[in-house]
Amino acid sequence: MYGTTEKKITHIIDESREKGWGGFVNTVCGKWIRPDWLTQDRPDGTRMCKLCAKKEATMKFR
């Protein structure tokens, strides 16, 4: 699952961890974000987080 912030940066949501307080979620790059929207597919027209993209390329995330 992907989460996109208000600055249009997309992160991969770490679904193995619980959600944080106030709508914040943890990402595979280790950041806590409060996404404006969540999608199952990678959205077009947004920038991908560099660390999330690297983990996606190696497929070493949970």
PDB file of N, CA and C in Angstrom:
ATOM      1  N   MET A   1       0.845  -1.164   0.000  1.00  0.00           N
ATOM      2  CA  MET A   1       0.000   0.000   0.000  1.00  0.00           C
ATOM      3  C   MET A   1       0.900   1.240   0.000  1.00  0.00           C
ATOM      4  N   TYR A   2       0.468   2.255  -0.704  1.00  0.00           N
ATOM      5  CA  TYR A   2       1.221   3.495  -0.838  1.00  0.00           C
ATOM      6  C   TYR A   2       0.480   4.640  -0.163  1.00  0.00           C
ATOM      7  N   GLY A   3       1.233   5.518   0.470  1.00  0.00           N
ATOM      8  CA  GLY A   3       0.667   6.707   1.081  1.00  0.00           C
ATOM      9  C   GLY A   3       1.341   7.937   0.508  1.00  0.00           C
ATOM     10  N   THR A   4       0.559   8.948   0.157  1.00  0.00           N
ATOM     11  CA  THR A   4       1.092  10.165  -0.442  1.00  0.00           C
ATOM     12  C   THR A   4       0.828  11.343   0.484  1.00  0.00           C
ATOM     13  N   THR A   5       1.876  12.134   0.720  1.00  0.00           N
ATOM     14  CA  THR A   5       1.775  13.289   1.609  1.00  0.00           C
ATOM     15  C   THR A   5       1.264  14.500   0.841  1.00  0.00           C
ATOM     16  N   GLU A   6       1.024  15.591   1.573  1.00  0.00           N
ATOM     17  CA  GLU A   6       0.527  16.816   0.934  1.00  0.00           C
ATOM     18  C   GLU A   6       1.547  17.419  -0.026  1.00  0.00           C
ATOM     19  N   LYS A   7       2.836  17.088   0.137  1.00  0.00           N
ATOM     20  CA  LYS A   7       3.870  17.574  -0.781  1.00  0.00           C
ATOM     21  C   LYS A   7       4.059  16.641  -1.971  1.00  0.00           C
ATOM     22  N   LYS A   8       3.132  15.685  -2.137  1.00  0.00           N
ATOM     23  CA  LYS A   8       3.109  14.736  -3.253  1.00  0.00           C
ATOM     24  C   LYS A   8       4.343  13.843  -3.291  1.00  0.00           C
ATOM     25  N   ILE A   9       4.783  13.415  -2.116  1.00  0.00           N
ATOM     26  CA  ILE A   9       5.849  12.424  -2.011  1.00  0.00           C
ATOM     27  C   ILE A   9       5.197  11.121  -1.566  1.00  0.00           C
ATOM     28  N   THR A  10       5.431  10.062  -2.329  1.00  0.00           N
ATOM     29  CA  THR A  10       4.797   8.779  -2.066  1.00  0.00           C
ATOM     30  C   THR A  10       5.748   7.867  -1.304  1.00  0.00           C
ATOM     31  N   HIS A  11       5.220   7.220  -0.268  1.00  0.00           N
ATOM     32  CA  HIS A  11       5.969   6.265   0.544  1.00  0.00           C
ATOM     33  C   HIS A  11       5.242   4.928   0.516  1.00  0.00           C
ATOM     34  N   ILE A  12       5.979   3.854   0.792  1.00  0.00           N
ATOM     35  CA  ILE A  12       5.373   2.532   0.930  1.00  0.00           C
ATOM     36  C   ILE A  12       5.035   2.340   2.400  1.00  0.00           C
ATOM     37  N   ILE A  13       3.784   2.020   2.682  1.00  0.00           N
ATOM     38  CA  ILE A  13       3.317   1.851   4.053  1.00  0.00           C
ATOM     39  C   ILE A  13       3.763   0.487   4.576  1.00  0.00           C
ATOM     40  N   ASP A  14       4.345   0.478   5.771  1.00  0.00           N
ATOM     41  CA  ASP A  14       4.744  -0.768   6.425  1.00  0.00           C
ATOM     42  C   ASP A  14       3.517  -1.325   7.138  1.00  0.00           C
ATOM     43  N   GLU A  15       2.856  -2.290   6.509  1.00  0.00           N
ATOM     44  CA  GLU A  15       1.593  -2.811   7.032  1.00  0.00           C
ATOM     45  C   GLU A  15       1.787  -3.806   8.165  1.00  0.00           C
ATOM     46  N   SER A  16       3.031  -4.202   8.430  1.00  0.00           N
ATOM     47  CA  SER A  16       3.264  -5.162   9.504  1.00  0.00           C
ATOM     48  C   SER A  16       3.249  -4.492  10.873  1.00  0.00           C
ATOM     49  N   ARG A  17       3.332  -3.172  10.902  1.00  0.00           N
ATOM     50  CA  ARG A  17       3.324  -2.441  12.166  1.00  0.00           C
ATOM     51  C   ARG A  17       1.967  -1.794  12.376  1.00  0.00           C
ATOM     52  N   GLU A  18       1.682  -1.482  13.637  1.00  0.00           N
ATOM     53  CA  GLU A  18       0.402  -0.847  13.932  1.00  0.00           C
ATOM     54  C   GLU A  18       0.432   0.631  13.565  1.00  0.00           C
ATOM     55  N   LYS A  19      -0.746   1.187  13.381  1.00  0.00           N
ATOM     56  CA  LYS A  19      -0.858   2.596  13.020  1.00  0.00           C
ATOM     57  C   LYS A  19      -0.595   3.473  14.226  1.00  0.00           C
ATOM     58  N   GLY A  20      -0.058   4.628  13.972  1.00  0.00           N
ATOM     59  CA  GLY A  20       0.237   5.563  15.045  1.00  0.00           C
ATOM     60  C   GLY A  20      -0.962   6.415  15.406  1.00  0.00           C
ATOM     61  N   TRP A  21      -0.736   7.326  16.290  1.00  0.00           N
ATOM     62  CA  TRP A  21      -1.788   8.202  16.784  1.00  0.00           C
ATOM     63  C   TRP A  21      -2.022   9.347  15.809  1.00  0.00           C
ATOM     64  N   GLY A  22      -3.253   9.769  15.631  1.00  0.00           N
ATOM     65  CA  GLY A  22      -3.580  10.931  14.815  1.00  0.00           C
ATOM     66  C   GLY A  22      -3.469  10.715  13.322  1.00  0.00           C
ATOM     67  N   GLY A  23      -3.565   9.480  12.857  1.00  0.00           N
ATOM     68  CA  GLY A  23      -3.521   9.213  11.426  1.00  0.00           C
ATOM     69  C   GLY A  23      -2.129   9.003  10.862  1.00  0.00           C
ATOM     70  N   PHE A  24      -1.107   8.984  11.712  1.00  0.00           N
ATOM     71  CA  PHE A  24       0.250   8.747  11.240  1.00  0.00           C
ATOM     72  C   PHE A  24       0.474   7.253  11.051  1.00  0.00           C
ATOM     73  N   VAL A  25       1.266   6.906  10.037  1.00  0.00           N
ATOM     74  CA  VAL A  25       1.610   5.511   9.768  1.00  0.00           C
ATOM     75  C   VAL A  25       3.118   5.414   9.562  1.00  0.00           C
ATOM     76  N   ASN A  26       3.659   4.227   9.783  1.00  0.00           N
ATOM     77  CA  ASN A  26       5.084   3.991   9.594  1.00  0.00           C
ATOM     78  C   ASN A  26       5.325   3.505   8.166  1.00  0.00           C
ATOM     79  N   THR A  27       6.443   3.913   7.591  1.00  0.00           N
ATOM     80  CA  THR A  27       6.782   3.524   6.224  1.00  0.00           C
ATOM     81  C   THR A  27       7.969   2.575   6.241  1.00  0.00           C
ATOM     82  N   VAL A  28       8.241   1.928   5.096  1.00  0.00           N
ATOM     83  CA  VAL A  28       9.357   0.990   5.039  1.00  0.00           C
ATOM     84  C   VAL A  28      10.705   1.694   5.141  1.00  0.00           C
ATOM     85  N   CYS A  29      10.744   3.000   4.885  1.00  0.00           N
ATOM     86  CA  CYS A  29      11.998   3.744   5.030  1.00  0.00           C
ATOM     87  C   CYS A  29      12.217   4.197   6.469  1.00  0.00           C
ATOM     88  N   GLY A  30      11.235   3.948   7.342  1.00  0.00           N
ATOM     89  CA  GLY A  30      11.379   4.276   8.748  1.00  0.00           C
ATOM     90  C   GLY A  30      10.775   5.595   9.174  1.00  0.00           C
ATOM     91  N   LYS A  31      10.190   6.324   8.251  1.00  0.00           N
ATOM     92  CA  LYS A  31       9.588   7.617   8.589  1.00  0.00           C
ATOM     93  C   LYS A  31       8.141   7.437   9.021  1.00  0.00           C
ATOM     94  N   TRP A  32       7.670   8.350   9.861  1.00  0.00           N
ATOM     95  CA  TRP A  32       6.262   8.429  10.222  1.00  0.00           C
ATOM     96  C   TRP A  32       5.652   9.532   9.380  1.00  0.00           C
ATOM     97  N   ILE A  33       4.620   9.196   8.614  1.00  0.00           N
ATOM     98  CA  ILE A  33       3.965  10.196   7.771  1.00  0.00           C
ATOM     99  C   ILE A  33       2.475  10.206   8.077  1.00  0.00           C
ATOM    100  N   ARG A  34       1.842  11.304   7.735  1.00  0.00           N
ATOM    101  CA  ARG A  34       0.377  11.399   7.799  1.00  0.00           C
ATOM    102  C   ARG A  34      -0.098  11.588   6.363  1.00  0.00           C
ATOM    103  N   PRO A  35      -0.440  10.484   5.691  1.00  0.00           N
ATOM    104  CA  PRO A  35      -0.774  10.571   4.269  1.00  0.00           C
ATOM    105  C   PRO A  35      -2.098  11.281   4.017  1.00  0.00           C
ATOM    106  N   ASP A  36      -2.125  12.036   2.921  1.00  0.00           N
ATOM    107  CA  ASP A  36      -3.370  12.660   2.476  1.00  0.00           C
ATOM    108  C   ASP A  36      -4.281  11.624   1.830  1.00  0.00           C
ATOM    109  N   TRP A  37      -3.678  10.648   1.141  1.00  0.00           N
ATOM    110  CA  TRP A  37      -4.476   9.567   0.581  1.00  0.00           C
ATOM    111  C   TRP A  37      -3.639   8.302   0.488  1.00  0.00           C
ATOM    112  N   LEU A  38      -4.339   7.164   0.516  1.00  0.00           N
ATOM    113  CA  LEU A  38      -3.732   5.838   0.435  1.00  0.00           C
ATOM    114  C   LEU A  38      -4.224   5.145  -0.824  1.00  0.00           C
ATOM    115  N   THR A  39      -3.324   4.415  -1.488  1.00  0.00           N
ATOM    116  CA  THR A  39      -3.695   3.669  -2.686  1.00  0.00           C
ATOM    117  C   THR A  39      -3.023   2.306  -2.663  1.00  0.00           C
ATOM    118  N   GLN A  40      -3.598   1.367  -3.387  1.00  0.00           N
ATOM    119  CA  GLN A  40      -2.997   0.038  -3.515  1.00  0.00           C
ATOM    120  C   GLN A  40      -1.889   0.033  -4.567  1.00  0.00           C
ATOM    121  N   ASP A  41      -2.050   0.859  -5.608  1.00  0.00           N
ATOM    122  CA  ASP A  41      -1.067   0.933  -6.688  1.00  0.00           C
ATOM    123  C   ASP A  41      -0.266   2.216  -6.566  1.00  0.00           C
ATOM    124  N   ARG A  42       0.906   2.206  -7.150  1.00  0.00           N
ATOM    125  CA  ARG A  42       1.766   3.388  -7.124  1.00  0.00           C
ATOM    126  C   ARG A  42       1.115   4.504  -7.943  1.00  0.00           C
ATOM    127  N   PRO A  43       0.843   5.661  -7.320  1.00  0.00           N
ATOM    128  CA  PRO A  43       0.134   6.732  -8.034  1.00  0.00           C
ATOM    129  C   PRO A  43       1.026   7.459  -9.043  1.00  0.00           C
ATOM    130  N   ASP A  44       0.401   7.940 -10.113  1.00  0.00           N
ATOM    131  CA  ASP A  44       1.110   8.728 -11.122  1.00  0.00           C
ATOM    132  C   ASP A  44       1.142  10.189 -10.691  1.00  0.00           C
ATOM    133  N   GLY A  45       2.121  10.928 -11.170  1.00  0.00           N
ATOM    134  CA  GLY A  45       2.193  12.360 -10.905  1.00  0.00           C
ATOM    135  C   GLY A  45       2.731  12.713  -9.535  1.00  0.00           C
ATOM    136  N   THR A  46       3.373  11.755  -8.861  1.00  0.00           N
ATOM    137  CA  THR A  46       3.968  12.025  -7.554  1.00  0.00           C
ATOM    138  C   THR A  46       5.417  11.554  -7.563  1.00  0.00           C
ATOM    139  N   ARG A  47       6.195  12.087  -6.626  1.00  0.00           N
ATOM    140  CA  ARG A  47       7.583  11.643  -6.486  1.00  0.00           C
ATOM    141  C   ARG A  47       7.629  10.505  -5.476  1.00  0.00           C
ATOM    142  N   MET A  48       8.458   9.524  -5.751  1.00  0.00           N
ATOM    143  CA  MET A  48       8.624   8.405  -4.828  1.00  0.00           C
ATOM    144  C   MET A  48       9.762   8.724  -3.869  1.00  0.00           C
ATOM    145  N   CYS A  49       9.582   8.422  -2.600  1.00  0.00           N
ATOM    146  CA  CYS A  49      10.642   8.576  -1.607  1.00  0.00           C
ATOM    147  C   CYS A  49      11.851   7.754  -2.069  1.00  0.00           C
ATOM    148  N   LYS A  50      13.035   8.330  -2.018  1.00  0.00           N
ATOM    149  CA  LYS A  50      14.227   7.640  -2.520  1.00  0.00           C
ATOM    150  C   LYS A  50      14.515   6.358  -1.754  1.00  0.00           C
ATOM    151  N   LEU A  51      14.358   6.394  -0.434  1.00  0.00           N
ATOM    152  CA  LEU A  51      14.624   5.195   0.363  1.00  0.00           C
ATOM    153  C   LEU A  51      13.571   4.119   0.131  1.00  0.00           C
ATOM    154  N   CYS A  52      12.320   4.512   0.002  1.00  0.00           N
ATOM    155  CA  CYS A  52      11.254   3.545  -0.287  1.00  0.00           C
ATOM    156  C   CYS A  52      11.447   2.936  -1.675  1.00  0.00           C
ATOM    157  N   ALA A  53      11.855   3.750  -2.638  1.00  0.00           N
ATOM    158  CA  ALA A  53      12.087   3.251  -3.995  1.00  0.00           C
ATOM    159  C   ALA A  53      13.230   2.240  -4.014  1.00  0.00           C
ATOM    160  N   LYS A  54      14.263   2.508  -3.229  1.00  0.00           N
ATOM    161  CA  LYS A  54      15.398   1.588  -3.158  1.00  0.00           C
ATOM    162  C   LYS A  54      14.964   0.258  -2.544  1.00  0.00           C
ATOM    163  N   LYS A  55      14.152   0.311  -1.489  1.00  0.00           N
ATOM    164  CA  LYS A  55      13.672  -0.923  -0.860  1.00  0.00           C
ATOM    165  C   LYS A  55      12.702  -1.660  -1.777  1.00  0.00           C
ATOM    166  N   GLU A  56      11.908  -0.912  -2.534  1.00  0.00           N
ATOM    167  CA  GLU A  56      10.980  -1.540  -3.474  1.00  0.00           C
ATOM    168  C   GLU A  56      11.751  -2.261  -4.574  1.00  0.00           C
ATOM    169  N   ALA A  57      12.860  -1.669  -5.024  1.00  0.00           N
ATOM    170  CA  ALA A  57      13.655  -2.280  -6.088  1.00  0.00           C
ATOM    171  C   ALA A  57      14.313  -3.578  -5.621  1.00  0.00           C
ATOM    172  N   THR A  58      14.718  -3.623  -4.372  1.00  0.00           N
ATOM    173  CA  THR A  58      15.362  -4.833  -3.863  1.00  0.00           C
ATOM    174  C   THR A  58      14.368  -5.800  -3.231  1.00  0.00           C
ATOM    175  N   MET A  59      13.122  -5.331  -3.018  1.00  0.00           N
ATOM    176  CA  MET A  59      12.048  -6.145  -2.435  1.00  0.00           C
ATOM    177  C   MET A  59      12.444  -6.741  -1.088  1.00  0.00           C
ATOM    178  N   LYS A  60      13.145  -5.950  -0.274  1.00  0.00           N
ATOM    179  CA  LYS A  60      13.567  -6.433   1.040  1.00  0.00           C
ATOM    180  C   LYS A  60      12.774  -5.780   2.149  1.00  0.00           C
ATOM    181  N   PHE A  61      11.526  -5.497   1.914  1.00  0.00           N
ATOM    182  CA  PHE A  61      10.684  -4.962   2.975  1.00  0.00           C
ATOM    183  C   PHE A  61       9.600  -5.985   3.278  1.00  0.00           C
ATOM    184  N   ARG A  62       8.984  -5.829   4.436  1.00  0.00           N
ATOM    185  CA  ARG A  62       7.963  -6.795   4.865  1.00  0.00           C
ATOM    186  C   ARG A  62       6.650  -6.563   4.174  1.00  0.00           C
TER     187      ARG A  62
END
